[in-house]
Amino acid sequence: MTSFFARFAQDESGATAIEYGLIAALIGVAIVGGATAVGGKLSAMLTGISNKLVAPQ
């Protein structure tokens, strides 16, 4: 029974999976943040173009 706990304590595959999960989560947060920032600016730009097409000066 002791060897089971010793092997379990030395097994790092679960820790590696958790690290990869954290990295993936951080990348996802960065993508969402970037898309939100770009989306807001793109929306404002397209609204401005639309306003100029509807009411030319």
PDB file of N, CA and C in Angstrom:
ATOM      1  N   MET A   1       0.829  -1.193   0.000  1.00  0.00           N
ATOM      2  CA  MET A   1       0.000   0.000   0.000  1.00  0.00           C
ATOM      3  C   MET A   1       0.865   1.244   0.000  1.00  0.00           C
ATOM      4  N   THR A   2       2.025   1.172   0.611  1.00  0.00           N
ATOM      5  CA  THR A   2       2.913   2.327   0.671  1.00  0.00           C
ATOM      6  C   THR A   2       3.414   2.688  -0.724  1.00  0.00           C
ATOM      7  N   SER A   3       3.660   1.685  -1.557  1.00  0.00           N
ATOM      8  CA  SER A   3       4.179   1.970  -2.895  1.00  0.00           C
ATOM      9  C   SER A   3       3.145   2.720  -3.728  1.00  0.00           C
ATOM     10  N   PHE A   4       1.860   2.465  -3.497  1.00  0.00           N
ATOM     11  CA  PHE A   4       0.808   3.180  -4.222  1.00  0.00           C
ATOM     12  C   PHE A   4       0.868   4.672  -3.908  1.00  0.00           C
ATOM     13  N   PHE A   5       0.973   5.008  -2.639  1.00  0.00           N
ATOM     14  CA  PHE A   5       1.038   6.416  -2.249  1.00  0.00           C
ATOM     15  C   PHE A   5       2.338   7.070  -2.716  1.00  0.00           C
ATOM     16  N   ALA A   6       3.430   6.327  -2.702  1.00  0.00           N
ATOM     17  CA  ALA A   6       4.709   6.861  -3.165  1.00  0.00           C
ATOM     18  C   ALA A   6       4.642   7.164  -4.659  1.00  0.00           C
ATOM     19  N   ARG A   7       4.061   6.231  -5.431  1.00  0.00           N
ATOM     20  CA  ARG A   7       3.917   6.478  -6.870  1.00  0.00           C
ATOM     21  C   ARG A   7       2.982   7.644  -7.125  1.00  0.00           C
ATOM     22  N   PHE A   8       1.915   7.729  -6.364  1.00  0.00           N
ATOM     23  CA  PHE A   8       0.947   8.823  -6.526  1.00  0.00           C
ATOM     24  C   PHE A   8       1.596  10.174  -6.226  1.00  0.00           C
ATOM     25  N   ALA A   9       2.424  10.232  -5.195  1.00  0.00           N
ATOM     26  CA  ALA A   9       3.082  11.481  -4.819  1.00  0.00           C
ATOM     27  C   ALA A   9       4.117  11.908  -5.857  1.00  0.00           C
ATOM     28  N   GLN A  10       4.731  10.943  -6.543  1.00  0.00           N
ATOM     29  CA  GLN A  10       5.757  11.256  -7.528  1.00  0.00           C
ATOM     30  C   GLN A  10       5.191  11.484  -8.924  1.00  0.00           C
ATOM     31  N   ASP A  11       3.945  11.130  -9.141  1.00  0.00           N
ATOM     32  CA  ASP A  11       3.333  11.285 -10.462  1.00  0.00           C
ATOM     33  C   ASP A  11       3.059  12.758 -10.727  1.00  0.00           C
ATOM     34  N   GLU A  12       3.639  13.297 -11.798  1.00  0.00           N
ATOM     35  CA  GLU A  12       3.485  14.713 -12.117  1.00  0.00           C
ATOM     36  C   GLU A  12       2.597  14.935 -13.341  1.00  0.00           C
ATOM     37  N   SER A  13       2.009  13.908 -13.882  1.00  0.00           N
ATOM     38  CA  SER A  13       1.196  14.076 -15.087  1.00  0.00           C
ATOM     39  C   SER A  13      -0.047  14.924 -14.815  1.00  0.00           C
ATOM     40  N   GLY A  14      -0.621  14.808 -13.637  1.00  0.00           N
ATOM     41  CA  GLY A  14      -1.776  15.629 -13.298  1.00  0.00           C
ATOM     42  C   GLY A  14      -1.400  17.096 -13.171  1.00  0.00           C
ATOM     43  N   ALA A  15      -0.245  17.360 -12.584  1.00  0.00           N
ATOM     44  CA  ALA A  15       0.219  18.745 -12.447  1.00  0.00           C
ATOM     45  C   ALA A  15       0.490  19.347 -13.816  1.00  0.00           C
ATOM     46  N   THR A  16       1.035  18.564 -14.725  1.00  0.00           N
ATOM     47  CA  THR A  16       1.300  19.052 -16.077  1.00  0.00           C
ATOM     48  C   THR A  16      -0.006  19.372 -16.786  1.00  0.00           C
ATOM     49  N   ALA A  17      -0.998  18.540 -16.624  1.00  0.00           N
ATOM     50  CA  ALA A  17      -2.291  18.790 -17.250  1.00  0.00           C
ATOM     51  C   ALA A  17      -2.919  20.066 -16.695  1.00  0.00           C
ATOM     52  N   ILE A  18      -2.784  20.284 -15.413  1.00  0.00           N
ATOM     53  CA  ILE A  18      -3.325  21.501 -14.801  1.00  0.00           C
ATOM     54  C   ILE A  18      -2.584  22.728 -15.331  1.00  0.00           C
ATOM     55  N   GLU A  19      -1.276  22.627 -15.478  1.00  0.00           N
ATOM     56  CA  GLU A  19      -0.502  23.752 -16.017  1.00  0.00           C
ATOM     57  C   GLU A  19      -0.939  24.073 -17.440  1.00  0.00           C
ATOM     58  N   TYR A  20      -1.120  23.056 -18.264  1.00  0.00           N
ATOM     59  CA  TYR A  20      -1.585  23.291 -19.629  1.00  0.00           C
ATOM     60  C   TYR A  20      -2.987  23.894 -19.629  1.00  0.00           C
ATOM     61  N   GLY A  21      -3.824  23.471 -18.718  1.00  0.00           N
ATOM     62  CA  GLY A  21      -5.157  24.041 -18.604  1.00  0.00           C
ATOM     63  C   GLY A  21      -5.119  25.511 -18.225  1.00  0.00           C
ATOM     64  N   LEU A  22      -4.236  25.870 -17.298  1.00  0.00           N
ATOM     65  CA  LEU A  22      -4.093  27.274 -16.905  1.00  0.00           C
ATOM     66  C   LEU A  22      -3.564  28.118 -18.055  1.00  0.00           C
ATOM     67  N   ILE A  23      -2.611  27.591 -18.801  1.00  0.00           N
ATOM     68  CA  ILE A  23      -2.080  28.325 -19.952  1.00  0.00           C
ATOM     69  C   ILE A  23      -3.183  28.536 -20.984  1.00  0.00           C
ATOM     70  N   ALA A  24      -3.962  27.502 -21.255  1.00  0.00           N
ATOM     71  CA  ALA A  24      -5.059  27.625 -22.219  1.00  0.00           C
ATOM     72  C   ALA A  24      -6.090  28.641 -21.750  1.00  0.00           C
ATOM     73  N   ALA A  25      -6.378  28.658 -20.463  1.00  0.00           N
ATOM     74  CA  ALA A  25      -7.341  29.624 -19.921  1.00  0.00           C
ATOM     75  C   ALA A  25      -6.821  31.049 -20.066  1.00  0.00           C
ATOM     76  N   LEU A  26      -5.543  31.265 -19.794  1.00  0.00           N
ATOM     77  CA  LEU A  26      -4.965  32.603 -19.941  1.00  0.00           C
ATOM     78  C   LEU A  26      -4.974  33.058 -21.401  1.00  0.00           C
ATOM     79  N   ILE A  27      -4.682  32.154 -22.314  1.00  0.00           N
ATOM     80  CA  ILE A  27      -4.739  32.490 -23.737  1.00  0.00           C
ATOM     81  C   ILE A  27      -6.168  32.839 -24.128  1.00  0.00           C
ATOM     82  N   GLY A  28      -7.131  32.100 -23.616  1.00  0.00           N
ATOM     83  CA  GLY A  28      -8.537  32.394 -23.904  1.00  0.00           C
ATOM     84  C   GLY A  28      -8.953  33.759 -23.385  1.00  0.00           C
ATOM     85  N   VAL A  29      -8.515  34.105 -22.188  1.00  0.00           N
ATOM     86  CA  VAL A  29      -8.841  35.423 -21.630  1.00  0.00           C
ATOM     87  C   VAL A  29      -8.222  36.527 -22.482  1.00  0.00           C
ATOM     88  N   ALA A  30      -6.989  36.319 -22.935  1.00  0.00           N
ATOM     89  CA  ALA A  30      -6.329  37.319 -23.781  1.00  0.00           C
ATOM     90  C   ALA A  30      -7.063  37.477 -25.108  1.00  0.00           C
ATOM     91  N   ILE A  31      -7.516  36.385 -25.687  1.00  0.00           N
ATOM     92  CA  ILE A  31      -8.253  36.452 -26.961  1.00  0.00           C
ATOM     93  C   ILE A  31      -9.566  37.192 -26.772  1.00  0.00           C
ATOM     94  N   VAL A  32     -10.286  36.878 -25.716  1.00  0.00           N
ATOM     95  CA  VAL A  32     -11.570  37.547 -25.466  1.00  0.00           C
ATOM     96  C   VAL A  32     -11.347  39.039 -25.214  1.00  0.00           C
ATOM     97  N   GLY A  33     -10.335  39.382 -24.434  1.00  0.00           N
ATOM     98  CA  GLY A  33     -10.036  40.790 -24.168  1.00  0.00           C
ATOM     99  C   GLY A  33      -9.656  41.539 -25.435  1.00  0.00           C
ATOM    100  N   GLY A  34      -8.837  40.937 -26.259  1.00  0.00           N
ATOM    101  CA  GLY A  34      -8.438  41.568 -27.514  1.00  0.00           C
ATOM    102  C   GLY A  34      -9.605  41.715 -28.468  1.00  0.00           C
ATOM    103  N   ALA A  35     -10.432  40.695 -28.577  1.00  0.00           N
ATOM    104  CA  ALA A  35     -11.588  40.761 -29.469  1.00  0.00           C
ATOM    105  C   ALA A  35     -12.585  41.808 -28.993  1.00  0.00           C
ATOM    106  N   THR A  36     -12.734  41.950 -27.697  1.00  0.00           N
ATOM    107  CA  THR A  36     -13.646  42.958 -27.156  1.00  0.00           C
ATOM    108  C   THR A  36     -13.144  44.369 -27.483  1.00  0.00           C
ATOM    109  N   ALA A  37     -11.853  44.597 -27.317  1.00  0.00           N
ATOM    110  CA  ALA A  37     -11.287  45.917 -27.607  1.00  0.00           C
ATOM    111  C   ALA A  37     -11.390  46.241 -29.098  1.00  0.00           C
ATOM    112  N   VAL A  38     -11.024  45.302 -29.937  1.00  0.00           N
ATOM    113  CA  VAL A  38     -11.081  45.519 -31.387  1.00  0.00           C
ATOM    114  C   VAL A  38     -12.531  45.627 -31.842  1.00  0.00           C
ATOM    115  N   GLY A  39     -13.408  44.832 -31.261  1.00  0.00           N
ATOM    116  CA  GLY A  39     -14.820  44.861 -31.646  1.00  0.00           C
ATOM    117  C   GLY A  39     -15.464  46.206 -31.375  1.00  0.00           C
ATOM    118  N   GLY A  40     -15.141  46.816 -30.248  1.00  0.00           N
ATOM    119  CA  GLY A  40     -15.695  48.126 -29.922  1.00  0.00           C
ATOM    120  C   GLY A  40     -15.240  49.191 -30.907  1.00  0.00           C
ATOM    121  N   LYS A  41     -13.952  49.185 -31.243  1.00  0.00           N
ATOM    122  CA  LYS A  41     -13.421  50.161 -32.192  1.00  0.00           C
ATOM    123  C   LYS A  41     -13.991  49.922 -33.590  1.00  0.00           C
ATOM    124  N   LEU A  42     -14.118  48.665 -33.977  1.00  0.00           N
ATOM    125  CA  LEU A  42     -14.669  48.340 -35.290  1.00  0.00           C
ATOM    126  C   LEU A  42     -16.122  48.763 -35.381  1.00  0.00           C
ATOM    127  N   SER A  43     -16.872  48.542 -34.329  1.00  0.00           N
ATOM    128  CA  SER A  43     -18.275  48.944 -34.307  1.00  0.00           C
ATOM    129  C   SER A  43     -18.412  50.460 -34.437  1.00  0.00           C
ATOM    130  N   ALA A  44     -17.575  51.208 -33.733  1.00  0.00           N
ATOM    131  CA  ALA A  44     -17.618  52.667 -33.814  1.00  0.00           C
ATOM    132  C   ALA A  44     -17.257  53.138 -35.220  1.00  0.00           C
ATOM    133  N   MET A  45     -16.283  52.516 -35.836  1.00  0.00           N
ATOM    134  CA  MET A  45     -15.873  52.891 -37.184  1.00  0.00           C
ATOM    135  C   MET A  45     -16.991  52.620 -38.190  1.00  0.00           C
ATOM    136  N   LEU A  46     -17.610  51.458 -38.098  1.00  0.00           N
ATOM    137  CA  LEU A  46     -18.690  51.120 -39.023  1.00  0.00           C
ATOM    138  C   LEU A  46     -19.914  51.990 -38.798  1.00  0.00           C
ATOM    139  N   THR A  47     -20.186  52.371 -37.567  1.00  0.00           N
ATOM    140  CA  THR A  47     -21.296  53.283 -37.284  1.00  0.00           C
ATOM    141  C   THR A  47     -21.018  54.647 -37.920  1.00  0.00           C
ATOM    142  N   GLY A  48     -19.792  55.125 -37.823  1.00  0.00           N
ATOM    143  CA  GLY A  48     -19.429  56.393 -38.440  1.00  0.00           C
ATOM    144  C   GLY A  48     -19.577  56.349 -39.950  1.00  0.00           C
ATOM    145  N   ILE A  49     -19.144  55.266 -40.565  1.00  0.00           N
ATOM    146  CA  ILE A  49     -19.306  55.110 -42.020  1.00  0.00           C
ATOM    147  C   ILE A  49     -20.776  55.079 -42.387  1.00  0.00           C
ATOM    148  N   SER A  50     -21.560  54.344 -41.615  1.00  0.00           N
ATOM    149  CA  SER A  50     -23.001  54.250 -41.881  1.00  0.00           C
ATOM    150  C   SER A  50     -23.668  55.625 -41.784  1.00  0.00           C
ATOM    151  N   ASN A  51     -23.299  56.398 -40.788  1.00  0.00           N
ATOM    152  CA  ASN A  51     -23.883  57.726 -40.623  1.00  0.00           C
ATOM    153  C   ASN A  51     -23.536  58.638 -41.807  1.00  0.00           C
ATOM    154  N   LYS A  52     -22.339  58.533 -42.332  1.00  0.00           N
ATOM    155  CA  LYS A  52     -21.941  59.362 -43.465  1.00  0.00           C
ATOM    156  C   LYS A  52     -22.654  58.913 -44.742  1.00  0.00           C
ATOM    157  N   LEU A  53     -22.948  57.632 -44.869  1.00  0.00           N
ATOM    158  CA  LEU A  53     -23.653  57.151 -46.055  1.00  0.00           C
ATOM    159  C   LEU A  53     -25.122  57.572 -46.017  1.00  0.00           C
ATOM    160  N   VAL A  54     -25.722  57.623 -44.839  1.00  0.00           N
ATOM    161  CA  VAL A  54     -27.129  57.975 -44.708  1.00  0.00           C
ATOM    162  C   VAL A  54     -27.327  59.478 -44.872  1.00  0.00           C
ATOM    163  N   ALA A  55     -26.448  60.271 -44.298  1.00  0.00           N
ATOM    164  CA  ALA A  55     -26.600  61.727 -44.356  1.00  0.00           C
ATOM    165  C   ALA A  55     -25.305  62.339 -44.873  1.00  0.00           C
ATOM    166  N   PRO A  56     -25.104  62.355 -46.193  1.00  0.00           N
ATOM    167  CA  PRO A  56     -23.860  62.923 -46.722  1.00  0.00           C
ATOM    168  C   PRO A  56     -23.814  64.433 -46.497  1.00  0.00           C
ATOM    169  N   GLN A  57     -22.622  64.952 -46.356  1.00  0.00           N
ATOM    170  CA  GLN A  57     -22.481  66.402 -46.089  1.00  0.00           C
ATOM    171  C   GLN A  57     -21.961  67.127 -47.300  1.00  0.00           C
TER     172      GLN A  57
END
